[in-house]
Amino acid sequence: MLRKLSDEIADCYRHAEDCRHKADAAVIPTAKEEFVEMERRWLFLARSYEFTERLADFTDYSETLAAKP
C-alpha cells in the first residue's frame, strides 16, 4: 500500500535535515558541499510533492464545484 503524499513530504524534510547536520559536521570541504547539495535536492523534492498535493486538492475542489447544479 502506498503511503500518503504527506508522509513522503515529511520524509524528504527529515532527510534534508539529516544532510544539513552532516554538512555542518563535515570537516572536508567537498564532503560539506555534497551534503549541502543533497539537502537542496531533498528540499526540492519535498516542495515538488507539496505542489502536487496542493494541485490535487485544488482539482478535487474544482471538480466538486463543477458537479453542483
C-alpha atoms as a PDB file:
ATOM      1  CA  MET A   1       0.000   0.000   0.000  1.00  0.00           C
ATOM      2  CA  LEU A   2       1.278   3.453  -0.899  1.00  0.00           C
ATOM      3  CA  ARG A   3       1.815   5.943   1.866  1.00  0.00           C
ATOM      4  CA  LYS A   4       0.104   9.290   1.791  1.00  0.00           C
ATOM      5  CA  LEU A   5       1.967  12.024  -0.034  1.00  0.00           C
ATOM      6  CA  SER A   6       2.184  13.965   3.242  1.00  0.00           C
ATOM      7  CA  ASP A   7       4.278  11.147   4.695  1.00  0.00           C
ATOM      8  CA  GLU A   8       6.609  11.373   1.708  1.00  0.00           C
ATOM      9  CA  ILE A   9       6.942  15.123   2.243  1.00  0.00           C
ATOM     10  CA  ALA A  10       7.817  14.658   5.899  1.00  0.00           C
ATOM     11  CA  ASP A  11      10.416  12.028   4.975  1.00  0.00           C
ATOM     12  CA  CYS A  12      12.018  14.428   2.499  1.00  0.00           C
ATOM     13  CA  TYR A  13      12.284  17.141   5.147  1.00  0.00           C
ATOM     14  CA  ARG A  14      13.814  14.634   7.605  1.00  0.00           C
ATOM     15  CA  HIS A  15      16.396  13.598   5.010  1.00  0.00           C
ATOM     16  CA  ALA A  16      17.172  17.247   4.257  1.00  0.00           C
ATOM     17  CA  GLU A  17      17.655  17.984   7.950  1.00  0.00           C
ATOM     18  CA  ASP A  18      19.954  14.979   8.293  1.00  0.00           C
ATOM     19  CA  CYS A  19      22.029  16.204   5.345  1.00  0.00           C
ATOM     20  CA  ARG A  20      22.249  19.667   6.903  1.00  0.00           C
ATOM     21  CA  HIS A  21      23.553  18.187  10.168  1.00  0.00           C
ATOM     22  CA  LYS A  22      26.113  16.130   8.269  1.00  0.00           C
ATOM     23  CA  ALA A  23      27.187  19.189   6.277  1.00  0.00           C
ATOM     24  CA  ASP A  24      27.625  21.177   9.470  1.00  0.00           C
ATOM     25  CA  ALA A  25      29.727  18.385  10.967  1.00  0.00           C
ATOM     26  CA  ALA A  26      31.820  17.756   7.851  1.00  0.00           C
ATOM     27  CA  VAL A  27      35.458  18.774   8.012  1.00  0.00           C
ATOM     28  CA  ILE A  28      36.350  18.141   4.384  1.00  0.00           C
ATOM     29  CA  PRO A  29      35.031  20.975   2.166  1.00  0.00           C
ATOM     30  CA  THR A  30      33.988  18.679  -0.682  1.00  0.00           C
ATOM     31  CA  ALA A  31      32.018  16.478   1.729  1.00  0.00           C
ATOM     32  CA  LYS A  32      30.302  19.579   3.130  1.00  0.00           C
ATOM     33  CA  GLU A  33      29.381  20.688  -0.401  1.00  0.00           C
ATOM     34  CA  GLU A  34      27.986  17.246  -1.230  1.00  0.00           C
ATOM     35  CA  PHE A  35      25.777  17.203   1.873  1.00  0.00           C
ATOM     36  CA  VAL A  36      24.531  20.729   1.155  1.00  0.00           C
ATOM     37  CA  GLU A  37      23.694  19.659  -2.403  1.00  0.00           C
ATOM     38  CA  MET A  38      21.841  16.586  -1.123  1.00  0.00           C
ATOM     39  CA  GLU A  39      19.928  18.797   1.302  1.00  0.00           C
ATOM     40  CA  ARG A  40      18.967  21.077  -1.583  1.00  0.00           C
ATOM     41  CA  ARG A  41      17.711  18.119  -3.621  1.00  0.00           C
ATOM     42  CA  TRP A  42      15.646  16.721  -0.737  1.00  0.00           C
ATOM     43  CA  LEU A  43      14.071  20.152  -0.216  1.00  0.00           C
ATOM     44  CA  PHE A  44      13.300  20.433  -3.924  1.00  0.00           C
ATOM     45  CA  LEU A  45      11.620  17.014  -3.866  1.00  0.00           C
ATOM     46  CA  ALA A  46       9.602  17.941  -0.769  1.00  0.00           C
ATOM     47  CA  ARG A  47       8.400  21.139  -2.434  1.00  0.00           C
ATOM     48  CA  SER A  48       7.516  19.218  -5.587  1.00  0.00           C
ATOM     49  CA  TYR A  49       5.422  16.794  -3.550  1.00  0.00           C
ATOM     50  CA  GLU A  50       3.772  19.729  -1.754  1.00  0.00           C
ATOM     51  CA  PHE A  51       2.879  21.327  -5.087  1.00  0.00           C
ATOM     52  CA  THR A  52       1.450  18.039  -6.351  1.00  0.00           C
ATOM     53  CA  GLU A  53      -0.612  17.667  -3.188  1.00  0.00           C
ATOM     54  CA  ARG A  54      -1.972  21.223  -3.442  1.00  0.00           C
ATOM     55  CA  LEU A  55      -2.755  20.758  -7.111  1.00  0.00           C
ATOM     56  CA  ALA A  56      -4.659  17.540  -6.376  1.00  0.00           C
ATOM     57  CA  ASP A  57      -6.612  19.296  -3.610  1.00  0.00           C
ATOM     58  CA  PHE A  58      -7.462  22.173  -5.966  1.00  0.00           C
ATOM     59  CA  THR A  59      -8.518  19.766  -8.708  1.00  0.00           C
ATOM     60  CA  ASP A  60     -10.746  17.819  -6.313  1.00  0.00           C
ATOM     61  CA  TYR A  61     -12.302  21.068  -5.070  1.00  0.00           C
ATOM     62  CA  SER A  62     -12.863  22.342  -8.616  1.00  0.00           C
ATOM     63  CA  GLU A  63     -14.495  19.070  -9.656  1.00  0.00           C
ATOM     64  CA  THR A  64     -16.769  19.248  -6.615  1.00  0.00           C
ATOM     65  CA  LEU A  65     -17.859  22.768  -7.543  1.00  0.00           C
ATOM     66  CA  ALA A  66     -18.410  21.812 -11.178  1.00  0.00           C
ATOM     67  CA  ALA A  67     -20.605  18.888 -10.167  1.00  0.00           C
ATOM     68  CA  LYS A  68     -23.004  21.110  -8.211  1.00  0.00           C
ATOM     69  CA  PRO A  69     -26.163  22.073 -10.134  1.00  0.00           C
END
